[in-house]
Amino acid sequence: MIDHCCDEMTRQAGWRCREHPDVFACPDALVRFEPRFREYGLIVHDGGSASREIAFCPWCGARLPRSQRDRWFDALDALGIDPGQDEVPPEFEDDRWLREGLAAPASAGEAPPRSG
């Protein structure tokens, strides 16, 4: 489980709507959180599935963790897996790959991802 920066971000990142199973279709959904990349984004309600990555929490102002997207692709590449063509192992579908140390360490000066 991810420890988000504040209660409001925890609520927004875990937003679920009974009427709209897809967060991009729900007008009340504001934040998209992608656990496998540890990426936060504001949802662009234009009928698609776009979001705009954010670096700071809109509610408490805390700096959010850096995206781990590049490390995700690098870790899969090191295993000889092309996510566009090959089956991605289940531990790479969420943040387990980070928690279980399946990727190279983060760059110097980069804080390790938080998990609870």
Protein backbone atom coordinates (compact mmCIF):
# COMPACT_ATOMS: atom_id res chain seq x y z
CA MET A 1 0.00 0.00 0.00
CA ILE A 2 1.23 3.47 -0.88
CA ASP A 3 1.52 6.20 1.74
CA HIS A 4 0.29 9.34 0.03
CA CYS A 5 1.28 12.78 1.29
CA CYS A 6 -2.02 13.70 2.96
CA ASP A 7 -5.52 12.42 3.66
CA GLU A 8 -7.03 14.30 0.73
CA MET A 9 -4.50 12.87 -1.73
CA THR A 10 -5.17 9.40 -0.31
CA ARG A 11 -8.90 9.95 -0.91
CA GLN A 12 -8.41 11.35 -4.41
CA ALA A 13 -5.83 8.76 -5.53
CA GLY A 14 -8.13 5.95 -4.45
CA TRP A 15 -11.31 7.50 -5.86
CA ARG A 16 -13.95 4.97 -6.90
CA CYS A 17 -17.41 5.85 -8.19
CA ARG A 18 -20.38 3.49 -8.29
CA GLU A 19 -21.82 5.26 -11.32
CA HIS A 20 -18.57 5.50 -13.33
CA PRO A 21 -16.26 2.47 -13.05
CA ASP A 22 -13.72 4.27 -15.27
CA VAL A 23 -12.20 7.25 -13.41
CA PHE A 24 -11.79 9.10 -16.70
CA ALA A 25 -15.58 9.03 -17.17
CA CYS A 26 -16.32 10.32 -13.66
CA PRO A 27 -16.57 14.12 -13.47
CA ASP A 28 -15.79 13.96 -9.74
CA ALA A 29 -12.46 12.14 -10.22
CA LEU A 30 -9.60 14.61 -10.12
CA VAL A 31 -6.40 12.59 -9.71
CA ARG A 32 -5.03 9.57 -11.52
CA PHE A 33 -2.46 7.60 -9.58
CA GLU A 34 -0.48 4.92 -11.40
CA PRO A 35 1.09 2.63 -8.76
CA ARG A 36 3.53 0.85 -11.08
CA PHE A 37 5.12 4.19 -11.99
CA ARG A 38 4.35 6.00 -8.69
CA GLU A 39 2.96 8.73 -10.92
CA TYR A 40 0.33 11.34 -10.05
CA GLY A 41 -1.65 13.27 -12.62
CA LEU A 42 -4.64 15.57 -12.86
CA ILE A 43 -7.31 14.01 -15.05
CA VAL A 44 -8.14 15.88 -18.25
CA HIS A 45 -11.89 15.46 -18.66
CA ASP A 46 -12.06 15.60 -22.45
CA GLY A 47 -13.66 12.22 -23.11
CA GLY A 48 -10.34 10.39 -23.31
CA SER A 49 -7.88 8.95 -20.82
CA ALA A 50 -5.39 11.80 -20.55
CA SER A 51 -3.88 13.17 -17.40
CA ARG A 52 -1.29 15.84 -16.71
CA GLU A 53 1.57 14.74 -14.44
CA ILE A 54 1.97 16.82 -11.28
CA ALA A 55 5.02 17.26 -9.04
CA PHE A 56 3.28 18.79 -6.00
CA CYS A 57 0.12 17.90 -4.11
CA PRO A 58 -2.68 20.37 -4.88
CA TRP A 59 -3.99 20.07 -1.29
CA CYS A 60 -0.99 20.06 1.06
CA GLY A 61 1.76 21.32 -1.27
CA ALA A 62 4.11 18.40 -0.61
CA ARG A 63 6.54 17.40 -3.32
CA LEU A 64 5.32 14.15 -4.86
CA PRO A 65 7.71 11.29 -5.62
CA ARG A 66 9.38 11.34 -9.02
CA SER A 67 7.85 9.11 -11.63
CA GLN A 68 9.45 5.68 -11.84
CA ARG A 69 8.31 5.16 -15.45
CA ASP A 70 11.85 5.14 -16.91
CA ARG A 71 13.07 2.69 -14.25
CA TRP A 72 10.07 0.43 -15.02
CA PHE A 73 10.99 0.27 -18.70
CA ASP A 74 14.70 -0.16 -17.85
CA ALA A 75 13.93 -3.04 -15.46
CA LEU A 76 11.83 -4.82 -18.07
CA ASP A 77 14.49 -4.20 -20.72
CA ALA A 78 17.12 -5.73 -18.41
CA LEU A 79 14.92 -8.84 -18.24
CA GLY A 80 14.62 -8.92 -22.04
CA ILE A 81 10.92 -8.01 -21.93
CA ASP A 82 9.34 -5.63 -24.43
CA PRO A 83 6.09 -4.43 -22.80
CA GLY A 84 4.68 -3.59 -26.23
CA GLN A 85 5.06 -7.17 -27.45
CA ASP A 86 5.75 -9.48 -24.51
CA GLU A 87 3.68 -10.46 -21.51
CA VAL A 88 4.58 -8.28 -18.54
CA PRO A 89 5.13 -10.23 -15.29
CA PRO A 90 2.41 -9.62 -12.67
CA GLU A 91 4.87 -8.03 -10.22
CA PHE A 92 5.37 -5.24 -12.77
CA GLU A 93 1.64 -4.46 -13.06
CA ASP A 94 1.66 -2.58 -9.72
CA ASP A 95 4.35 -1.29 -7.36
CA ARG A 96 5.63 -4.71 -6.25
CA TRP A 97 8.62 -4.43 -8.58
CA LEU A 98 9.74 -1.36 -6.58
CA ARG A 99 8.94 -2.77 -3.14
CA GLU A 100 10.68 -6.06 -3.93
CA GLY A 101 13.79 -4.44 -5.40
CA LEU A 102 13.40 -5.83 -8.92
CA ALA A 103 14.92 -2.71 -10.50
CA ALA A 104 18.29 -1.01 -10.38
CA PRO A 105 18.64 1.46 -7.49
CA ALA A 106 17.39 5.00 -8.01
CA SER A 107 19.83 7.63 -9.24
CA ALA A 108 21.94 9.49 -6.71
CA GLY A 109 19.98 12.25 -5.05
CA GLU A 110 16.62 10.65 -5.82
CA ALA A 111 14.54 9.65 -2.83
CA PRO A 112 13.48 6.00 -2.76
CA PRO A 113 9.77 5.38 -3.36
CA ARG A 114 7.56 5.36 -0.26
CA SER A 115 5.41 2.38 0.52
CA GLY A 116 3.56 1.31 3.60
